[in-house]
Protein backbone atom coordinates (compact mmCIF):
# COMPACT_ATOMS: atom_id res chain seq x y z
CA MET A 1 7.76 -10.79 10.15
CA LYS A 2 6.91 -14.06 11.88
CA ARG A 3 3.87 -14.48 9.63
CA LEU A 4 6.27 -14.84 6.67
CA ALA A 5 7.90 -17.97 8.13
CA GLN A 6 5.10 -20.18 6.84
CA PHE A 7 6.16 -19.56 3.21
CA GLY A 8 9.74 -20.70 3.60
CA SER A 9 12.03 -19.33 0.95
CA CYS A 10 9.54 -18.89 -1.92
CA PRO A 11 9.99 -15.28 -3.13
CA VAL A 12 6.58 -15.07 -4.81
CA ALA A 13 4.76 -16.34 -1.72
CA THR A 14 6.74 -13.88 0.41
CA THR A 15 5.74 -10.95 -1.82
CA ILE A 16 2.09 -12.01 -1.80
CA SER A 17 2.17 -12.33 1.98
CA LEU A 18 3.60 -8.83 2.38
CA LEU A 19 0.95 -7.39 0.07
CA ASP A 20 -1.82 -9.72 1.19
CA SER A 21 -4.60 -7.25 0.45
CA GLY A 22 -5.47 -4.91 -2.34
CA TRP A 23 -5.60 -2.17 0.27
CA LYS A 24 -1.85 -2.42 0.89
CA ILE A 25 -1.12 -2.10 -2.81
CA LEU A 26 -3.34 0.99 -3.04
CA ILE A 27 -1.66 2.48 0.05
CA MET A 28 1.72 1.89 -1.60
CA ARG A 29 0.45 3.43 -4.84
CA ASP A 30 -0.40 6.61 -2.97
CA LEU A 31 2.79 6.68 -0.88
CA LEU A 32 4.84 6.35 -4.07
CA LYS A 33 3.59 9.88 -4.82
CA GLY A 34 5.07 11.14 -1.55
CA THR A 35 4.60 11.36 2.21
CA LYS A 36 0.98 11.39 3.35
CA ARG A 37 -0.92 12.02 6.54
CA TYR A 38 -3.41 9.43 7.78
CA SER A 39 -6.41 11.50 6.69
CA GLN A 40 -4.95 11.94 3.19
CA LEU A 41 -4.57 8.17 2.84
CA GLN A 42 -8.10 7.58 4.10
CA LYS A 43 -9.44 9.91 1.40
CA SER A 44 -7.26 8.63 -1.44
CA VAL A 45 -7.84 4.94 -0.76
CA SER A 46 -11.58 5.17 -1.21
CA GLY A 47 -13.65 2.50 0.46
CA ILE A 48 -11.10 1.54 3.11
CA SER A 49 -12.34 1.56 6.69
CA GLN A 50 -10.42 3.31 9.45
CA LYS A 51 -9.77 -0.07 11.09
CA MET A 52 -8.38 -1.61 7.88
CA LEU A 53 -6.20 1.41 7.11
CA THR A 54 -4.74 1.38 10.64
CA GLN A 55 -4.19 -2.38 10.53
CA SER A 56 -2.59 -2.27 7.08
CA LEU A 57 -0.26 0.60 8.00
CA ARG A 58 0.84 -1.19 11.19
CA GLN A 59 1.56 -4.42 9.32
CA MET A 60 3.44 -2.53 6.62
CA GLN A 61 5.50 -0.80 9.34
CA ASP A 62 6.25 -4.15 11.00
CA ASP A 63 7.31 -5.54 7.61
CA GLY A 64 9.66 -2.62 6.97
CA ILE A 65 7.74 -1.23 3.98
CA VAL A 66 6.28 1.92 5.56
CA GLN A 67 7.70 4.30 8.12
CA ARG A 68 5.67 6.43 10.50
CA HIS A 69 6.91 9.81 11.64
CA SER A 70 5.17 11.41 14.61
CA TYR A 71 5.66 15.10 15.37
CA PRO A 72 5.50 16.38 18.96
CA VAL A 73 2.81 18.99 18.31
CA ILE A 74 -0.77 19.57 19.34
CA PRO A 75 -2.89 18.44 17.65
CA PRO A 76 -0.80 15.35 16.91
CA LYS A 77 0.71 15.16 13.45
CA VAL A 78 1.67 11.80 11.97
CA GLU A 79 3.02 11.18 8.48
CA TYR A 80 3.62 7.98 6.57
CA SER A 81 6.15 7.33 3.84
CA LEU A 82 7.76 4.37 2.14
CA THR A 83 11.02 2.97 3.38
CA GLU A 84 13.76 2.15 0.90
CA MET A 85 12.35 -1.39 0.75
CA GLY A 86 8.86 -0.04 0.07
CA GLU A 87 10.22 2.31 -2.59
CA SER A 88 11.78 -0.69 -4.34
CA MET A 89 8.23 -1.79 -5.23
CA ARG A 90 7.88 1.20 -7.59
CA PRO A 91 8.63 -0.77 -10.80
CA ILE A 92 6.14 -3.47 -9.80
CA ILE A 93 3.36 -0.98 -9.02
CA ASN A 94 4.15 0.88 -12.27
CA SER A 95 3.93 -2.42 -14.19
CA MET A 96 0.56 -3.13 -12.57
CA HIS A 97 -0.60 0.34 -13.64
CA GLU A 98 0.53 -0.21 -17.23
CA TRP A 99 -1.06 -3.66 -17.38
CA GLY A 100 -4.33 -2.28 -15.97
CA MET A 101 -4.35 0.55 -18.52
CA HIS A 102 -3.81 -1.95 -21.34
CA TYR A 103 -6.53 -4.24 -20.02
CA LEU A 104 -9.02 -1.40 -19.64
CA SER A 105 -8.33 -0.15 -23.17
CA ASP A 106 -9.02 -3.65 -24.54
CA HIS A 107 -11.98 -4.33 -22.25
CA PRO A 108 -13.82 -1.05 -21.71
CA ARG A 109 -16.51 -1.19 -19.08
CA THR A 110 -19.97 -0.31 -20.25
CA ASN A 111 -22.76 0.82 -18.03
CA THR A 112 -25.66 -1.60 -18.45
CA HIS A 113 -28.10 0.41 -16.30
């Protein structure tokens, strides 16, 4: 949370700081569908490295957006889910989805190769 202090009381800057990478938004997108194990997130957020996924999840935990639940079993089982604060981002992520769908329908990608 100390990294947020540099933005003062600007709500937009605070939100951008909390979601400072596209990876975090994609992690949230997937966690909005329900609790996931680490390996499930690594598969669903294609292109993310193990280091970046671990770092993003830790920061999101520190920021109170994601919660980690560890089960005392062998092999270790760890699950991630959104906190109530993380869940409150649902309308924003849904709006991003809708905007992206609209944009893609107006600007279809064509394969030039």
